[in-house]
């Protein structure tokens, strides 16, 4: 339930100091409001990637339930291409498989008609500076593969 903590999953936290803090309510932060204003309701935006740390996973909707979305096969197909661009060492899975949570970005984007993935990048919340450039280069290739997929799937010939 939006703006309620009574039905939150135990894998997210009400504590602001927690790594899994969910915020006081859905879209409560100015940064999130700004992103949603940019992403939603614009016909030229067809997909979104959210970058997080960590666990080397590619996540897709749904995060709130273990039930697959109606586009599960599409997410698996695109996700496999993204994983290939990452070198094949990421795990592709439904978001709820990491831990179920309400209000996460993939679900919001998906519910609004956008193709959405979250890249859980790296092996720690705070990667060492020496990991940043190689990580950026690796993830950059997957970002470009995502853009190519979105363009190909939305071209007039598609």
N, C-alpha and C. Protein backbone atom coordinates (compact mmCIF):
# COMPACT_ATOMS: atom_id res chain seq x y z
N UNK A 1 0.84 -1.18 0.00
CA UNK A 1 0.00 0.00 0.00
C UNK A 1 0.89 1.24 0.00
N UNK A 2 0.75 2.13 -0.97
CA UNK A 2 1.57 3.34 -0.98
C UNK A 2 1.40 4.15 0.30
N UNK A 3 2.48 4.74 0.75
CA UNK A 3 2.51 5.60 1.94
C UNK A 3 2.13 4.86 3.22
N UNK A 4 2.31 3.56 3.23
CA UNK A 4 2.02 2.77 4.42
C UNK A 4 3.16 1.80 4.67
N UNK A 5 3.54 1.64 5.90
CA UNK A 5 4.57 0.67 6.22
C UNK A 5 3.99 -0.64 6.73
N UNK A 6 2.68 -0.69 6.91
CA UNK A 6 2.08 -1.87 7.54
C UNK A 6 2.18 -3.13 6.69
N UNK A 7 2.30 -3.00 5.37
CA UNK A 7 2.37 -4.19 4.54
C UNK A 7 3.68 -4.30 3.77
N UNK A 8 4.71 -3.59 4.22
CA UNK A 8 6.02 -3.68 3.58
C UNK A 8 6.64 -5.05 3.80
N UNK A 9 7.48 -5.43 2.88
CA UNK A 9 8.21 -6.69 3.01
C UNK A 9 9.32 -6.52 4.04
N UNK A 10 9.68 -7.59 4.69
CA UNK A 10 10.72 -7.52 5.72
C UNK A 10 12.10 -7.29 5.12
N UNK A 11 12.26 -7.41 3.80
CA UNK A 11 13.56 -7.23 3.17
C UNK A 11 13.90 -5.77 2.92
N UNK A 12 12.95 -4.88 3.09
CA UNK A 12 13.23 -3.45 3.01
C UNK A 12 13.07 -2.87 4.40
N UNK A 13 13.55 -1.64 4.57
CA UNK A 13 13.63 -1.10 5.92
C UNK A 13 13.02 0.29 6.02
N UNK A 14 12.50 0.59 7.20
CA UNK A 14 12.01 1.92 7.53
C UNK A 14 13.12 2.80 8.11
N UNK A 15 14.29 2.22 8.35
CA UNK A 15 15.41 2.96 8.95
C UNK A 15 16.21 3.69 7.87
N UNK A 16 16.32 5.01 7.92
CA UNK A 16 17.09 5.75 6.92
C UNK A 16 18.55 5.31 6.81
N UNK A 17 19.13 4.76 7.86
CA UNK A 17 20.53 4.33 7.82
C UNK A 17 20.72 2.96 7.17
N UNK A 18 19.65 2.28 6.83
CA UNK A 18 19.73 0.94 6.24
C UNK A 18 20.09 1.00 4.76
N UNK A 19 20.82 0.00 4.29
CA UNK A 19 21.13 -0.11 2.86
C UNK A 19 19.89 -0.37 2.03
N UNK A 20 18.82 -0.86 2.65
CA UNK A 20 17.58 -1.15 1.93
C UNK A 20 16.44 -0.23 2.38
N UNK A 21 16.78 0.98 2.81
CA UNK A 21 15.77 1.97 3.20
C UNK A 21 14.85 2.25 2.02
N UNK A 22 13.56 2.19 2.25
CA UNK A 22 12.59 2.35 1.18
C UNK A 22 12.02 3.76 1.07
N UNK A 23 12.41 4.65 1.95
CA UNK A 23 11.87 6.01 1.94
C UNK A 23 10.59 6.09 2.74
N UNK A 24 10.15 7.30 3.08
CA UNK A 24 8.96 7.46 3.90
C UNK A 24 7.66 7.15 3.15
N UNK A 25 7.67 7.28 1.82
CA UNK A 25 6.48 6.95 1.00
C UNK A 25 6.91 6.86 -0.45
N UNK A 26 6.04 6.32 -1.27
CA UNK A 26 6.35 6.17 -2.68
C UNK A 26 6.64 7.50 -3.35
N UNK A 27 7.74 7.56 -4.10
CA UNK A 27 8.15 8.77 -4.83
C UNK A 27 8.25 9.99 -3.92
N UNK A 28 8.69 9.78 -2.70
CA UNK A 28 8.75 10.87 -1.72
C UNK A 28 9.93 11.81 -1.95
N UNK A 29 10.95 11.35 -2.64
CA UNK A 29 12.15 12.17 -2.78
C UNK A 29 12.13 12.99 -4.07
N UNK A 30 12.67 14.19 -4.00
CA UNK A 30 12.67 15.10 -5.14
C UNK A 30 13.36 14.46 -6.36
N UNK A 31 14.45 13.71 -6.11
CA UNK A 31 15.17 13.07 -7.22
C UNK A 31 14.27 12.08 -7.95
N UNK A 32 13.50 11.30 -7.20
CA UNK A 32 12.59 10.32 -7.80
C UNK A 32 11.47 11.03 -8.55
N UNK A 33 10.92 12.06 -7.95
CA UNK A 33 9.86 12.82 -8.62
C UNK A 33 10.37 13.40 -9.93
N UNK A 34 11.59 13.90 -9.94
CA UNK A 34 12.17 14.47 -11.16
C UNK A 34 12.35 13.40 -12.23
N UNK A 35 12.85 12.23 -11.83
CA UNK A 35 13.02 11.14 -12.80
C UNK A 35 11.68 10.68 -13.37
N UNK A 36 10.69 10.52 -12.52
CA UNK A 36 9.38 10.10 -13.00
C UNK A 36 8.78 11.14 -13.94
N UNK A 37 8.96 12.41 -13.63
CA UNK A 37 8.47 13.46 -14.52
C UNK A 37 9.17 13.42 -15.87
N UNK A 38 10.42 13.04 -15.88
CA UNK A 38 11.17 12.91 -17.14
C UNK A 38 10.75 11.66 -17.91
N UNK A 39 10.62 10.54 -17.22
CA UNK A 39 10.44 9.24 -17.87
C UNK A 39 9.01 8.93 -18.29
N UNK A 40 8.05 9.31 -17.51
CA UNK A 40 6.67 8.86 -17.75
C UNK A 40 5.90 9.86 -18.61
N UNK A 41 5.08 9.35 -19.48
CA UNK A 41 4.22 10.18 -20.29
C UNK A 41 4.91 10.83 -21.47
N UNK A 42 6.08 10.39 -21.82
CA UNK A 42 6.80 10.93 -22.99
C UNK A 42 6.91 9.81 -24.02
N UNK A 43 6.30 9.98 -25.16
CA UNK A 43 6.27 8.89 -26.15
C UNK A 43 7.64 8.50 -26.70
N UNK A 44 8.61 9.38 -26.60
CA UNK A 44 9.94 9.04 -27.11
C UNK A 44 10.76 8.21 -26.12
N UNK A 45 10.30 8.06 -24.90
CA UNK A 45 11.01 7.22 -23.93
C UNK A 45 10.28 5.88 -23.87
N UNK A 46 10.99 4.82 -24.24
CA UNK A 46 10.39 3.49 -24.35
C UNK A 46 10.98 2.49 -23.36
N UNK A 47 12.11 2.86 -22.74
CA UNK A 47 12.76 1.94 -21.81
C UNK A 47 13.66 2.68 -20.85
N UNK A 48 13.90 2.04 -19.71
CA UNK A 48 14.71 2.64 -18.65
C UNK A 48 15.59 1.56 -18.02
N UNK A 49 16.83 1.92 -17.74
CA UNK A 49 17.71 1.07 -16.93
C UNK A 49 18.03 1.83 -15.66
N UNK A 50 17.86 1.16 -14.54
CA UNK A 50 18.19 1.71 -13.23
C UNK A 50 19.47 1.02 -12.78
N UNK A 51 20.47 1.78 -12.38
CA UNK A 51 21.75 1.21 -11.95
C UNK A 51 21.85 1.26 -10.42
N UNK A 52 22.14 0.11 -9.85
CA UNK A 52 22.29 -0.02 -8.40
C UNK A 52 23.57 -0.80 -8.11
N UNK A 53 23.91 -0.85 -6.85
CA UNK A 53 24.95 -1.77 -6.41
C UNK A 53 24.35 -2.57 -5.26
N UNK A 54 24.55 -3.77 -5.16
CA UNK A 54 25.50 -4.62 -5.83
C UNK A 54 24.93 -6.02 -5.96
N UNK A 55 25.56 -6.89 -6.69
CA UNK A 55 25.32 -8.34 -6.76
C UNK A 55 25.45 -8.92 -8.16
N UNK A 56 25.81 -8.10 -9.13
CA UNK A 56 26.00 -8.57 -10.50
C UNK A 56 24.78 -9.34 -11.01
N UNK A 57 23.66 -8.64 -10.98
CA UNK A 57 22.39 -9.21 -11.44
C UNK A 57 21.72 -8.23 -12.41
N UNK A 58 20.93 -8.80 -13.29
CA UNK A 58 20.05 -8.02 -14.16
C UNK A 58 18.64 -8.38 -13.72
N UNK A 59 17.93 -7.38 -13.20
CA UNK A 59 16.60 -7.60 -12.65
C UNK A 59 15.53 -7.00 -13.55
N UNK A 60 14.37 -7.64 -13.56
CA UNK A 60 13.24 -7.16 -14.35
C UNK A 60 11.95 -7.39 -13.56
N UNK A 61 10.83 -6.75 -13.95
CA UNK A 61 9.58 -6.85 -13.21
C UNK A 61 9.03 -8.28 -13.15
N UNK A 62 8.36 -8.54 -12.15
CA UNK A 62 7.87 -7.78 -11.02
C UNK A 62 8.79 -7.95 -9.81
N UNK A 63 8.78 -6.88 -8.96
CA UNK A 63 9.49 -6.95 -7.70
C UNK A 63 8.55 -7.16 -6.54
N UNK A 64 7.28 -6.85 -6.74
CA UNK A 64 6.32 -6.93 -5.65
C UNK A 64 5.71 -8.33 -5.51
N UNK A 65 5.87 -9.17 -6.54
CA UNK A 65 5.29 -10.51 -6.52
C UNK A 65 6.21 -11.49 -7.23
N UNK A 66 6.05 -12.75 -6.92
CA UNK A 66 6.81 -13.79 -7.61
C UNK A 66 6.14 -14.20 -8.93
N UNK A 67 4.93 -13.70 -9.17
CA UNK A 67 4.24 -14.01 -10.42
C UNK A 67 4.96 -13.31 -11.57
N UNK A 68 5.12 -13.98 -12.70
CA UNK A 68 5.77 -13.32 -13.84
C UNK A 68 4.85 -12.26 -14.45
N UNK A 69 5.46 -11.26 -15.06
CA UNK A 69 4.67 -10.25 -15.77
C UNK A 69 4.21 -10.82 -17.10
N UNK A 70 3.29 -10.12 -17.74
CA UNK A 70 2.80 -10.55 -19.05
C UNK A 70 3.88 -10.44 -20.13
N UNK A 71 4.96 -9.74 -19.82
CA UNK A 71 6.07 -9.59 -20.77
C UNK A 71 7.31 -10.36 -20.32
N UNK A 72 7.11 -11.39 -19.53
CA UNK A 72 8.22 -12.17 -18.98
C UNK A 72 9.15 -12.69 -20.08
N UNK A 73 8.61 -13.24 -21.14
CA UNK A 73 9.44 -13.78 -22.22
C UNK A 73 10.26 -12.68 -22.88
N UNK A 74 9.67 -11.51 -23.07
CA UNK A 74 10.39 -10.38 -23.65
C UNK A 74 11.54 -9.95 -22.75
N UNK A 75 11.29 -9.86 -21.44
CA UNK A 75 12.35 -9.47 -20.51
C UNK A 75 13.48 -10.49 -20.52
N UNK A 76 13.15 -11.75 -20.59
CA UNK A 76 14.19 -12.78 -20.62
C UNK A 76 15.00 -12.71 -21.91
N UNK A 77 14.32 -12.43 -23.02
CA UNK A 77 15.02 -12.33 -24.31
C UNK A 77 15.97 -11.13 -24.33
N UNK A 78 15.46 -9.96 -23.96
CA UNK A 78 16.32 -8.77 -23.93
C UNK A 78 17.39 -8.92 -22.86
N UNK A 79 17.01 -9.43 -21.71
CA UNK A 79 17.96 -9.60 -20.61
C UNK A 79 19.13 -10.50 -20.99
N UNK A 80 18.87 -11.54 -21.76
CA UNK A 80 19.95 -12.42 -22.21
C UNK A 80 20.94 -11.66 -23.09
N UNK A 81 20.44 -10.76 -23.91
CA UNK A 81 21.32 -9.94 -24.76
C UNK A 81 22.14 -8.97 -23.91
N UNK A 82 21.51 -8.42 -22.89
CA UNK A 82 22.23 -7.51 -21.99
C UNK A 82 23.33 -8.26 -21.24
N UNK A 83 22.99 -9.46 -20.79
CA UNK A 83 23.98 -10.28 -20.08
C UNK A 83 25.15 -10.62 -21.00
N UNK A 84 24.86 -10.92 -22.25
CA UNK A 84 25.91 -11.21 -23.21
C UNK A 84 26.84 -10.00 -23.35
N UNK A 85 26.26 -8.81 -23.42
CA UNK A 85 27.06 -7.59 -23.53
C UNK A 85 27.91 -7.36 -22.28
N UNK A 86 27.44 -7.88 -21.14
CA UNK A 86 28.19 -7.77 -19.88
C UNK A 86 29.25 -8.86 -19.74
N UNK A 87 29.35 -9.73 -20.73
CA UNK A 87 30.33 -10.82 -20.67
C UNK A 87 29.74 -12.13 -20.20
N UNK A 88 28.43 -12.15 -19.93
CA UNK A 88 27.75 -13.39 -19.56
C UNK A 88 27.89 -13.79 -18.11
N UNK A 89 28.46 -12.93 -17.26
CA UNK A 89 28.66 -13.34 -15.87
C UNK A 89 27.67 -12.73 -14.88
N UNK A 90 26.66 -12.05 -15.38
CA UNK A 90 25.60 -11.55 -14.52
C UNK A 90 24.48 -12.59 -14.47
N UNK A 91 23.67 -12.52 -13.43
CA UNK A 91 22.52 -13.42 -13.31
C UNK A 91 21.26 -12.64 -13.68
N UNK A 92 20.51 -13.17 -14.62
CA UNK A 92 19.25 -12.57 -15.05
C UNK A 92 18.13 -13.18 -14.22
N UNK A 93 17.34 -12.32 -13.56
CA UNK A 93 16.25 -12.84 -12.74
C UNK A 93 15.18 -11.80 -12.51
N UNK A 94 13.99 -12.28 -12.19
CA UNK A 94 12.90 -11.41 -11.80
C UNK A 94 13.31 -10.70 -10.51
N UNK A 95 12.96 -9.44 -10.40
CA UNK A 95 13.36 -8.61 -9.26
C UNK A 95 13.02 -9.22 -7.91
N UNK A 96 11.84 -9.80 -7.80
CA UNK A 96 11.42 -10.39 -6.52
C UNK A 96 12.32 -11.55 -6.10
N UNK A 97 13.07 -12.11 -7.04
CA UNK A 97 14.00 -13.18 -6.70
C UNK A 97 15.17 -12.71 -5.87
N UNK A 98 15.53 -11.43 -5.98
CA UNK A 98 16.58 -10.88 -5.12
C UNK A 98 15.99 -10.67 -3.72
N UNK A 99 14.95 -9.90 -3.66
CA UNK A 99 14.09 -9.79 -2.48
C UNK A 99 12.85 -9.02 -2.90
N UNK A 100 11.68 -9.46 -2.46
CA UNK A 100 10.46 -8.77 -2.84
C UNK A 100 10.38 -7.40 -2.17
N UNK A 101 9.92 -6.43 -2.93
CA UNK A 101 9.73 -5.10 -2.35
C UNK A 101 8.66 -4.37 -3.14
N UNK A 102 8.05 -3.41 -2.50
CA UNK A 102 7.00 -2.63 -3.14
C UNK A 102 7.57 -1.31 -3.65
N UNK A 103 7.04 -0.84 -4.77
CA UNK A 103 7.37 0.49 -5.26
C UNK A 103 8.70 0.62 -5.96
N UNK A 104 9.32 -0.49 -6.34
CA UNK A 104 10.62 -0.34 -6.99
C UNK A 104 10.45 0.13 -8.43
N UNK A 105 11.53 0.69 -8.98
CA UNK A 105 11.43 1.40 -10.26
C UNK A 105 11.02 0.50 -11.42
N UNK A 106 11.50 -0.74 -11.48
CA UNK A 106 11.12 -1.62 -12.59
C UNK A 106 9.61 -1.80 -12.65
N UNK A 107 8.99 -1.99 -11.50
CA UNK A 107 7.54 -2.17 -11.47
C UNK A 107 6.81 -0.89 -11.91
N UNK A 108 7.28 0.24 -11.45
CA UNK A 108 6.67 1.52 -11.81
C UNK A 108 6.77 1.75 -13.31
N UNK A 109 7.96 1.55 -13.87
CA UNK A 109 8.14 1.74 -15.31
C UNK A 109 7.31 0.75 -16.11
N UNK A 110 7.36 -0.52 -15.72
CA UNK A 110 6.61 -1.55 -16.42
C UNK A 110 5.11 -1.25 -16.41
N UNK A 111 4.60 -0.86 -15.26
CA UNK A 111 3.17 -0.55 -15.13
C UNK A 111 2.77 0.64 -16.01
N UNK A 112 3.75 1.46 -16.38
CA UNK A 112 3.50 2.61 -17.24
C UNK A 112 3.94 2.36 -18.69
N UNK A 113 4.12 1.09 -19.06
CA UNK A 113 4.37 0.73 -20.45
C UNK A 113 5.80 0.80 -20.92
N UNK A 114 6.75 0.98 -20.01
CA UNK A 114 8.16 1.05 -20.40
C UNK A 114 8.84 -0.29 -20.13
N UNK A 115 9.80 -0.63 -20.97
CA UNK A 115 10.66 -1.79 -20.70
C UNK A 115 11.67 -1.33 -19.67
N UNK A 116 11.83 -2.09 -18.61
CA UNK A 116 12.66 -1.62 -17.50
C UNK A 116 13.50 -2.74 -16.90
N UNK A 117 14.77 -2.44 -16.69
CA UNK A 117 15.69 -3.35 -16.03
C UNK A 117 16.45 -2.59 -14.95
N UNK A 118 16.89 -3.32 -13.95
CA UNK A 118 17.83 -2.79 -12.96
C UNK A 118 19.11 -3.60 -13.06
N UNK A 119 20.22 -2.92 -13.20
CA UNK A 119 21.53 -3.57 -13.15
C UNK A 119 22.04 -3.42 -11.72
N UNK A 120 22.22 -4.53 -11.05
CA UNK A 120 22.88 -4.54 -9.74
C UNK A 120 24.36 -4.77 -10.05
N UNK A 121 25.14 -3.70 -9.99
CA UNK A 121 26.50 -3.67 -10.50
C UNK A 121 27.51 -3.88 -9.37
N UNK A 122 28.53 -4.66 -9.64
CA UNK A 122 29.65 -4.80 -8.72
C UNK A 122 29.40 -5.83 -7.63
N UNK A 123 30.35 -5.87 -6.71
CA UNK A 123 30.32 -6.87 -5.64
C UNK A 123 30.28 -6.23 -4.25
N UNK A 124 30.05 -4.92 -4.20
CA UNK A 124 29.91 -4.25 -2.90
C UNK A 124 29.10 -2.96 -3.09
N UNK A 125 28.54 -2.46 -1.99
CA UNK A 125 27.80 -1.20 -2.07
C UNK A 125 28.74 -0.04 -2.42
N UNK A 126 29.96 -0.12 -1.95
CA UNK A 126 30.94 0.93 -2.19
C UNK A 126 32.16 0.32 -2.88
N UNK A 127 32.16 0.22 -4.21
CA UNK A 127 33.31 -0.38 -4.90
C UNK A 127 34.56 0.48 -4.73
N UNK A 128 35.70 -0.17 -4.79
CA UNK A 128 36.95 0.57 -4.67
C UNK A 128 37.15 1.42 -5.92
N UNK A 129 37.86 2.52 -5.81
CA UNK A 129 38.09 3.38 -6.97
C UNK A 129 38.70 2.63 -8.17
N UNK A 130 39.50 1.63 -7.91
CA UNK A 130 40.13 0.89 -9.01
C UNK A 130 39.12 0.06 -9.81
N UNK A 131 37.94 -0.18 -9.25
CA UNK A 131 36.90 -0.94 -9.95
C UNK A 131 36.01 -0.09 -10.84
N UNK A 132 36.02 1.21 -10.64
CA UNK A 132 35.05 2.09 -11.29
C UNK A 132 35.20 2.10 -12.81
N UNK A 133 36.39 2.33 -13.32
CA UNK A 133 36.56 2.43 -14.78
C UNK A 133 36.23 1.11 -15.47
N UNK A 134 36.76 -0.03 -15.03
CA UNK A 134 36.38 -1.28 -15.70
C UNK A 134 34.87 -1.57 -15.59
N UNK A 135 34.27 -1.24 -14.46
CA UNK A 135 32.84 -1.44 -14.27
C UNK A 135 32.06 -0.55 -15.24
N UNK A 136 32.47 0.70 -15.34
CA UNK A 136 31.80 1.64 -16.24
C UNK A 136 31.88 1.15 -17.69
N UNK A 137 33.04 0.67 -18.10
CA UNK A 137 33.19 0.19 -19.47
C UNK A 137 32.32 -1.03 -19.74
N UNK A 138 32.29 -1.94 -18.79
CA UNK A 138 31.49 -3.17 -18.94
C UNK A 138 30.00 -2.85 -19.00
N UNK A 139 29.54 -2.05 -18.07
CA UNK A 139 28.12 -1.70 -18.00
C UNK A 139 27.73 -0.81 -19.18
N UNK A 140 28.66 0.02 -19.65
CA UNK A 140 28.40 0.86 -20.81
C UNK A 140 28.03 0.03 -22.04
N UNK A 141 28.68 -1.10 -22.22
CA UNK A 141 28.35 -1.99 -23.34
C UNK A 141 26.93 -2.52 -23.22
N UNK A 142 26.52 -2.87 -22.02
CA UNK A 142 25.15 -3.35 -21.81
C UNK A 142 24.14 -2.23 -22.01
N UNK A 143 24.48 -1.01 -21.58
CA UNK A 143 23.60 0.13 -21.81
C UNK A 143 23.37 0.33 -23.32
N UNK A 144 24.45 0.23 -24.09
CA UNK A 144 24.32 0.40 -25.54
C UNK A 144 23.50 -0.73 -26.15
N UNK A 145 23.68 -1.94 -25.67
CA UNK A 145 22.87 -3.07 -26.17
C UNK A 145 21.40 -2.83 -25.86
N UNK A 146 21.10 -2.26 -24.71
CA UNK A 146 19.72 -1.94 -24.35
C UNK A 146 19.15 -0.90 -25.31
N UNK A 147 19.90 0.15 -25.56
CA UNK A 147 19.44 1.19 -26.48
C UNK A 147 19.18 0.59 -27.86
N UNK A 148 20.10 -0.26 -28.33
CA UNK A 148 19.91 -0.92 -29.63
C UNK A 148 18.62 -1.74 -29.65
N UNK A 149 18.35 -2.47 -28.58
CA UNK A 149 17.12 -3.28 -28.50
C UNK A 149 15.87 -2.41 -28.52
N UNK A 150 15.88 -1.34 -27.77
CA UNK A 150 14.71 -0.46 -27.71
C UNK A 150 14.47 0.17 -29.09
N UNK A 151 15.53 0.61 -29.75
CA UNK A 151 15.38 1.20 -31.09
C UNK A 151 14.86 0.15 -32.06
N UNK A 152 15.45 -1.02 -32.06
CA UNK A 152 15.05 -2.08 -32.99
C UNK A 152 13.59 -2.48 -32.80
N UNK A 153 13.15 -2.54 -31.55
CA UNK A 153 11.79 -2.98 -31.26
C UNK A 153 10.75 -1.89 -31.48
N UNK A 154 11.21 -0.66 -31.65
CA UNK A 154 10.28 0.46 -31.85
C UNK A 154 10.45 1.13 -33.21
N UNK A 155 11.23 0.54 -34.09
CA UNK A 155 11.38 1.11 -35.42
C UNK A 155 10.15 0.78 -36.25
N UNK A 156 9.85 1.55 -37.28
CA UNK A 156 8.66 1.30 -38.10
C UNK A 156 8.62 -0.11 -38.71
N UNK A 157 9.77 -0.71 -38.97
CA UNK A 157 9.81 -2.04 -39.56
C UNK A 157 9.56 -3.14 -38.53
N UNK A 158 9.64 -2.80 -37.22
CA UNK A 158 9.53 -3.81 -36.16
C UNK A 158 8.12 -4.31 -36.00
